Protein backbone atom coordinates (compact mmCIF):
# COMPACT_ATOMS: atom_id res chain seq x y z
CA MET A 1 -2.12 8.66 23.10
CA LYS A 2 -5.61 9.60 22.48
CA ARG A 3 -7.79 8.50 19.71
CA GLU A 4 -8.53 12.33 18.78
CA ASP A 5 -4.75 12.45 18.10
CA PHE A 6 -5.43 10.55 14.65
CA TYR A 7 -8.50 12.54 13.54
CA PHE A 8 -8.64 14.50 10.42
CA GLU A 9 -11.34 16.16 8.26
CA LEU A 10 -12.18 14.13 5.08
CA PRO A 11 -14.76 15.55 2.62
CA GLU A 12 -16.98 12.60 1.69
CA GLU A 13 -16.47 13.35 -2.25
CA LEU A 14 -12.79 12.02 -1.83
CA ILE A 15 -14.02 8.67 -0.66
CA ALA A 16 -13.55 6.58 -3.74
CA GLN A 17 -16.57 4.81 -4.86
CA ARG A 18 -15.04 2.74 -7.89
CA PRO A 19 -11.68 1.63 -8.93
CA LEU A 20 -9.86 3.62 -11.81
CA PRO A 21 -9.90 1.83 -15.18
CA ARG A 22 -6.12 0.92 -14.96
CA ARG A 23 -5.06 -0.27 -11.57
CA ASP A 24 -1.47 1.14 -11.59
CA HIS A 25 -2.46 4.62 -12.71
CA SER A 26 -3.68 5.63 -9.23
CA ARG A 27 -1.61 8.47 -7.69
CA LEU A 28 1.14 7.68 -5.49
CA MET A 29 2.41 10.11 -2.66
CA VAL A 30 5.93 9.25 -1.84
CA LEU A 31 7.54 10.47 1.71
CA THR A 32 11.31 9.66 1.69
CA GLY A 33 13.49 10.71 4.44
CA ASN A 34 12.90 14.33 5.56
CA ASN A 35 12.10 15.53 1.70
CA ASN A 36 8.68 17.21 0.90
CA PRO A 37 6.16 14.78 -0.34
CA ALA A 38 6.59 13.61 -4.10
CA HIS A 39 3.49 13.40 -6.24
CA LYS A 40 3.81 10.41 -8.49
CA HIS A 41 1.65 7.57 -9.99
CA PHE A 42 1.89 3.97 -8.85
CA TYR A 43 3.66 2.70 -11.82
CA ASP A 44 6.41 4.99 -10.77
CA LEU A 45 7.34 2.27 -8.00
CA THR A 46 9.84 1.14 -10.30
CA SER A 47 11.93 4.35 -9.62
CA TYR A 48 11.88 3.67 -5.88
CA LEU A 49 12.42 0.00 -5.52
CA ARG A 50 15.76 -1.60 -6.41
CA ALA A 51 17.73 -4.87 -6.95
CA GLY A 52 17.97 -6.67 -3.73
CA ASP A 53 14.64 -5.51 -2.21
CA LEU A 54 12.13 -7.67 -1.12
CA LEU A 55 8.56 -6.97 -1.68
CA VAL A 56 6.05 -8.65 0.38
CA LEU A 57 2.70 -9.23 -1.00
CA ASN A 58 -0.53 -10.63 0.97
CA ASP A 59 -2.20 -13.18 -1.61
CA SER A 60 -5.35 -13.66 0.49
CA ARG A 61 -8.61 -13.64 -1.60
CA VAL A 62 -11.98 -12.06 -0.58
CA MET A 63 -14.63 -14.62 -0.21
CA PRO A 64 -18.15 -13.86 -1.62
CA ALA A 65 -18.90 -13.92 2.11
CA ARG A 66 -22.19 -12.02 2.01
CA LEU A 67 -25.39 -14.28 2.17
CA LEU A 68 -28.92 -13.11 1.83
CA GLY A 69 -31.69 -15.32 3.19
CA HIS A 70 -34.60 -15.63 5.59
CA LYS A 71 -35.42 -17.24 8.95
CA GLU A 72 -37.36 -20.57 8.81
CA ASN A 73 -40.27 -18.67 10.51
CA GLY A 74 -40.17 -15.66 8.33
CA GLY A 75 -37.95 -12.31 8.33
CA GLU A 76 -35.11 -11.63 5.97
CA VAL A 77 -31.54 -12.06 7.34
CA GLU A 78 -28.02 -11.18 6.01
CA ILE A 79 -24.91 -12.98 7.05
CA LEU A 80 -21.33 -12.08 6.56
CA LEU A 81 -18.79 -14.76 7.03
CA LEU A 82 -15.77 -13.95 9.02
CA HIS A 83 -13.87 -16.97 9.66
CA ARG A 84 -14.23 -20.75 9.56
CA ARG A 85 -14.10 -22.15 12.95
CA THR A 86 -14.25 -26.05 12.20
CA ASN A 87 -15.57 -27.67 9.11
CA ASP A 88 -19.07 -26.08 8.36
CA VAL A 89 -19.05 -23.99 11.53
CA TRP A 90 -18.38 -20.31 10.92
CA GLU A 91 -17.99 -17.23 12.88
CA THR A 92 -20.51 -14.70 11.19
CA LEU A 93 -21.94 -11.38 11.63
CA VAL A 94 -25.90 -11.39 11.33
CA LYS A 95 -28.08 -8.53 10.57
CA PRO A 96 -30.46 -8.02 12.12
CA GLY A 97 -28.59 -9.86 14.96
CA LYS A 98 -31.52 -9.51 17.70
CA ARG A 99 -33.34 -11.93 15.61
CA ALA A 100 -30.79 -14.65 15.21
CA ARG A 101 -31.19 -16.64 18.28
CA VAL A 102 -29.54 -20.04 19.20
CA GLY A 103 -31.39 -22.61 17.35
CA ASP A 104 -32.83 -20.62 14.59
CA LYS A 105 -32.78 -22.14 11.33
CA LEU A 106 -31.71 -19.82 8.27
CA ILE A 107 -32.72 -20.68 4.72
CA PHE A 108 -30.56 -19.30 1.67
CA GLY A 109 -32.26 -20.78 -1.48
CA THR A 110 -32.75 -24.41 -1.99
CA GLU A 111 -29.14 -25.50 -1.38
CA LEU A 112 -27.95 -23.99 1.87
CA VAL A 113 -29.47 -24.09 5.64
CA ALA A 114 -27.95 -22.89 8.52
CA GLU A 115 -28.41 -23.20 12.22
CA VAL A 116 -27.35 -20.67 14.92
CA LYS A 117 -25.13 -22.42 17.41
CA SER A 118 -23.91 -19.85 19.79
CA CYS A 119 -23.79 -16.07 20.53
CA LEU A 120 -20.43 -14.88 21.03
CA PRO A 121 -19.46 -12.08 23.54
CA SER A 122 -18.79 -9.91 20.52
CA GLY A 123 -22.23 -10.25 19.32
CA ASN A 124 -21.13 -12.44 16.54
CA ARG A 125 -22.95 -15.78 15.68
CA GLU A 126 -21.45 -19.20 15.30
CA ILE A 127 -23.41 -20.80 12.40
CA GLU A 128 -23.22 -24.40 11.41
CA PHE A 129 -24.07 -24.71 7.43
CA SER A 130 -25.76 -27.94 5.92
CA TYR A 131 -25.72 -28.38 2.13
CA ASN A 132 -25.14 -31.02 -0.68
CA GLY A 133 -22.29 -30.53 -2.95
CA VAL A 134 -19.02 -28.54 -2.71
CA TRP A 135 -18.91 -25.58 -0.28
CA GLU A 136 -16.89 -23.39 -2.40
CA GLN A 137 -19.18 -23.81 -5.45
CA ILE A 138 -22.39 -23.26 -3.34
CA LEU A 139 -20.64 -20.03 -1.76
CA ASP A 140 -19.61 -18.78 -5.43
CA LYS A 141 -23.19 -19.14 -6.44
CA LEU A 142 -25.17 -17.74 -3.68
CA GLY A 143 -22.57 -15.40 -2.06
CA THR A 144 -21.82 -11.74 -3.04
CA MET A 145 -18.84 -9.53 -2.43
CA PRO A 146 -18.59 -7.83 0.92
CA LEU A 147 -17.65 -4.36 -0.07
CA PRO A 148 -16.87 -1.69 2.74
CA PRO A 149 -19.66 0.11 4.16
CA TYR A 150 -18.37 3.34 2.61
CA ILE A 151 -18.60 2.20 -0.86
CA LYS A 152 -22.24 3.00 -1.97
CA GLU A 153 -21.87 2.12 -5.61
CA LYS A 154 -22.40 -1.29 -7.18
CA LEU A 155 -19.03 -2.78 -8.36
CA GLU A 156 -19.68 -4.14 -11.93
CA ASP A 157 -16.52 -6.47 -11.80
CA SER A 158 -16.07 -8.27 -8.52
CA GLU A 159 -12.49 -9.00 -9.67
CA ARG A 160 -11.51 -5.40 -9.22
CA TYR A 161 -11.84 -5.84 -5.46
CA GLN A 162 -9.28 -8.51 -5.60
CA THR A 163 -5.50 -8.40 -6.21
CA VAL A 164 -4.20 -9.89 -9.43
CA TYR A 165 -2.32 -12.31 -7.38
CA ALA A 166 -5.10 -13.31 -5.03
CA ARG A 167 -5.02 -17.07 -4.29
CA ALA A 168 -5.93 -18.23 -0.83
CA SER A 169 -9.52 -17.57 -0.27
CA GLY A 170 -10.40 -16.42 3.21
CA SER A 171 -10.66 -12.69 3.51
CA SER A 172 -13.82 -10.61 4.28
CA ALA A 173 -12.20 -7.50 2.86
CA ALA A 174 -9.34 -7.00 0.37
CA PRO A 175 -5.80 -6.09 1.33
CA THR A 176 -6.30 -2.97 -0.68
CA ALA A 177 -2.70 -1.71 -0.99
CA GLY A 178 -2.23 -4.68 -3.44
CA LEU A 179 -5.12 -3.55 -5.56
CA HIS A 180 -2.60 -1.28 -7.28
CA PHE A 181 -0.47 -3.70 -8.83
CA THR A 182 -0.69 -5.44 -12.28
CA ALA A 183 1.05 -8.43 -13.56
CA ALA A 184 3.04 -6.28 -15.92
CA LEU A 185 4.29 -3.90 -13.09
CA LEU A 186 5.30 -7.08 -11.02
CA SER A 187 7.13 -8.42 -13.89
CA GLU A 188 8.93 -5.15 -14.35
CA LEU A 189 9.89 -5.06 -10.73
CA THR A 190 11.27 -8.65 -11.10
CA ARG A 191 13.27 -7.65 -14.18
CA LEU A 192 14.72 -4.73 -12.18
CA GLY A 193 15.93 -7.37 -9.33
CA VAL A 194 13.30 -6.89 -6.79
CA ASP A 195 12.44 -10.24 -5.24
CA ILE A 196 8.81 -10.74 -4.56
CA ILE A 197 7.19 -13.12 -1.77
CA TYR A 198 3.77 -13.93 -1.01
CA ILE A 199 2.42 -14.14 2.47
CA THR A 200 -1.24 -14.73 3.71
CA LEU A 201 -3.42 -12.91 6.10
CA HIS A 202 -6.96 -13.19 5.78
CA VAL A 203 -8.44 -9.72 6.40
CA GLY A 204 -11.42 -9.70 8.88
CA LEU A 205 -14.04 -6.99 9.37
CA GLY A 206 -12.19 -5.66 12.26
CA THR A 207 -10.11 -3.77 9.99
CA PHE A 208 -13.18 -1.39 9.60
CA ARG A 209 -14.02 -1.36 13.56
CA PRO A 210 -13.42 2.05 14.74
CA VAL A 211 -11.65 2.64 17.90
CA ARG A 212 -13.89 3.64 20.28
CA GLU A 213 -11.68 3.89 23.68
CA GLU A 214 -10.51 7.37 24.28
CA ILE A 215 -7.10 6.04 25.17
CA ILE A 216 -5.85 3.89 22.41
CA THR A 217 -4.01 1.29 24.35
CA ASP A 218 -7.21 0.18 25.89
CA HIS A 219 -8.56 -0.78 22.37
CA LYS A 220 -8.61 -4.59 21.87
CA MET A 221 -7.22 -5.49 18.49
CA HIS A 222 -9.02 -8.30 16.35
CA SER A 223 -7.42 -11.29 15.47
CA GLU A 224 -6.64 -12.47 11.91
CA TYR A 225 -5.15 -15.87 10.61
CA PHE A 226 -1.66 -15.76 8.78
CA HIS A 227 0.64 -18.00 7.15
CA LEU A 228 4.24 -17.36 6.06
CA SER A 229 5.88 -20.31 4.44
CA ALA A 230 9.33 -21.67 5.05
CA GLY A 231 10.48 -20.52 1.46
CA ALA A 232 9.26 -16.94 2.33
CA ALA A 233 11.14 -16.96 5.58
CA GLU A 234 14.25 -17.94 3.94
CA ARG A 235 14.14 -15.20 1.44
CA ILE A 236 13.56 -12.87 4.57
CA ASN A 237 16.86 -13.98 5.89
CA GLN A 238 18.57 -13.69 2.61
CA THR A 239 17.39 -10.14 2.32
CA LEU A 240 18.47 -9.27 5.85
CA ALA A 241 21.88 -10.88 5.19
CA GLY A 242 22.27 -8.75 1.94
CA ALA A 243 21.84 -4.91 1.34
CA GLY A 244 18.31 -4.99 0.21
CA ARG A 245 15.15 -3.66 2.08
CA ILE A 246 11.96 -5.46 3.11
CA VAL A 247 9.01 -3.52 1.39
CA ALA A 248 5.58 -4.43 3.04
CA ALA A 249 2.70 -3.95 0.39
CA GLY A 250 -0.01 -3.08 2.85
CA THR A 251 -0.61 -2.99 6.60
CA THR A 252 -1.46 -6.67 6.57
CA SER A 253 1.81 -7.73 5.14
CA CYS A 254 3.52 -5.44 7.70
CA ARG A 255 1.57 -7.04 10.54
CA VAL A 256 2.70 -10.70 9.49
CA LEU A 257 6.24 -9.30 9.32
CA GLU A 258 6.37 -7.69 12.64
CA THR A 259 4.41 -10.84 14.10
CA LEU A 260 7.18 -12.89 12.85
CA PHE A 261 9.80 -10.37 14.37
CA GLN A 262 8.27 -10.74 17.82
CA SER A 263 7.74 -14.48 17.78
CA GLN A 264 11.36 -15.53 16.70
CA GLU A 265 14.76 -14.71 16.30
CA TYR A 266 17.11 -14.59 13.05
CA PRO A 267 17.09 -16.87 11.21
CA TYR A 268 13.37 -16.86 10.76
CA ARG A 269 11.33 -19.84 9.91
CA GLN A 270 7.93 -20.82 8.74
CA LEU A 271 5.13 -19.41 10.92
CA SER A 272 1.30 -19.86 11.02
CA GLY A 273 -1.24 -18.70 13.39
CA TRP A 274 -3.36 -15.81 14.73
CA THR A 275 -2.27 -12.41 15.24
CA ASP A 276 -3.66 -9.53 17.01
CA ILE A 277 -0.70 -7.21 17.06
CA PHE A 278 -1.55 -3.65 17.50
CA ILE A 279 1.12 -1.13 16.13
CA TYR A 280 0.80 2.38 17.09
CA PRO A 281 3.59 5.28 17.67
CA GLY A 282 6.22 4.25 19.97
CA TYR A 283 6.56 0.78 18.27
CA LYS A 284 9.99 -0.19 16.69
CA PHE A 285 9.71 -1.93 13.69
CA GLY A 286 11.89 -5.04 13.22
CA LEU A 287 11.44 -6.27 9.88
CA THR A 288 9.70 -3.44 7.81
CA ASP A 289 11.90 -0.93 6.06
CA ALA A 290 9.31 0.42 3.79
CA LEU A 291 5.54 0.53 3.49
CA ILE A 292 3.09 0.76 0.69
CA THR A 293 -0.28 1.52 1.85
CA ASN A 294 -3.62 3.59 1.14
CA PHE A 295 -5.21 6.55 2.72
CA HIS A 296 -6.97 5.24 5.72
CA LEU A 297 -9.97 6.16 7.98
CA PRO A 298 -9.64 8.83 10.62
CA GLU A 299 -8.97 7.34 14.11
CA SER A 300 -8.18 3.88 12.76
CA THR A 301 -5.82 1.28 13.76
CA LEU A 302 -4.48 1.33 10.23
CA LEU A 303 -3.56 5.04 10.44
CA MET A 304 -2.09 4.43 13.90
CA LEU A 305 0.17 1.83 12.17
CA VAL A 306 1.06 4.28 9.46
CA SER A 307 1.84 7.17 12.16
CA ALA A 308 4.10 4.48 13.99
CA PHE A 309 5.97 3.92 10.81
CA MET A 310 6.70 7.45 10.06
CA ASP A 311 6.05 10.10 12.52
CA ARG A 312 2.37 11.08 13.41
CA GLU A 313 2.72 14.64 12.77
CA ARG A 314 4.26 14.23 9.45
CA VAL A 315 1.72 11.46 8.28
CA LEU A 316 -1.20 13.76 9.26
CA ALA A 317 0.41 16.68 7.53
CA ALA A 318 0.62 14.38 4.36
CA TYR A 319 -2.96 13.43 4.82
CA GLN A 320 -4.10 17.31 5.02
CA LEU A 321 -1.94 17.63 1.65
CA ALA A 322 -3.64 14.88 0.21
CA VAL A 323 -7.05 16.23 1.05
CA ARG A 324 -6.09 19.58 -0.64
CA GLU A 325 -4.69 17.89 -3.65
CA LYS A 326 -7.82 15.90 -3.86
CA TYR A 327 -6.33 12.37 -3.56
CA ARG A 328 -8.78 9.57 -3.58
CA PHE A 329 -9.15 7.76 -0.12
CA PHE A 330 -9.87 4.20 1.18
CA SER A 331 -10.13 0.93 -0.56
CA PHE A 332 -10.47 2.13 -4.24
CA GLY A 333 -8.42 5.15 -3.72
CA ASP A 334 -4.82 6.26 -4.11
CA ALA A 335 -1.63 5.10 -2.36
CA MET A 336 1.33 6.22 -0.33
CA LEU A 337 5.05 4.82 -0.34
CA LEU A 338 6.76 5.51 2.86
CA LEU A 339 10.46 5.33 3.01
CA PRO A 340 11.92 6.52 6.35
CA GLU A 341 15.45 6.12 5.61
CA GLU A 342 16.74 8.15 2.73
CA ASP A 343 19.73 6.61 0.76
């Protein structure tokens, strides 16, 4: 398939620049079986999930990963932390990259100094940090939230770019399908008999990287670290043994589930590591029965995953409908619920 097969026209004014006052009041387009799309709100999720279903949430927390400083010999520099290599060595994205040569010293206030250790084939830099104190406290003090490039407005409350259940710090971007959940909604789902597990996948900036290759199978997927506990694996096994459905909240949760499916056979066990799974039309899903997701960028790997889950033509038609109905797109936008099998 070609990259252009996943293109759609999106008016810029539909790119959400700020979150809604109430998380679960975002709109929800529901695609079930062969039915016409239904226009609901996210709190209506309680009408579609049922007792015995397993809701899979990504509990990764966004780091204050953007650091502003200057080179030792002058010149401003911006660093975006991608992931920790070892101890105080991080893979980073540096702007302007051409000025960050191996051996350069970078200064961030009076508490944090860094040295460029290597230049990676991707153009990213390995940087080693030096400091006195606790890394997390220093990062909280000096770092800022790395909002996606399409969000131009300042975010007044940084917690709105975190899920209410965010716990494991390590992401450079939020698992945005989870931003719609509230504690009250999760409690109501639990009361209805929906089981909930938490997995971790640390979202990297590759999630925003466009597919540049004309043939999508030539695209090299970014790798991201994930962890699925023994307890979570056991509840997946229990759901498979019963009549419930496994519902992935977001493409990140889906990618962990499908990495597990490709790595092991039933009964499933704890699994951690790096995944670069690339899901596009033709893929046969093994563990994901339903998908909750936001509206994604044209020609993105995320849109390709959604198009694999429920027919590319139908997904693109739903996107065109969303544009006509003025749904809000991307990180702070509205959501979709995809249930391919109608009961």
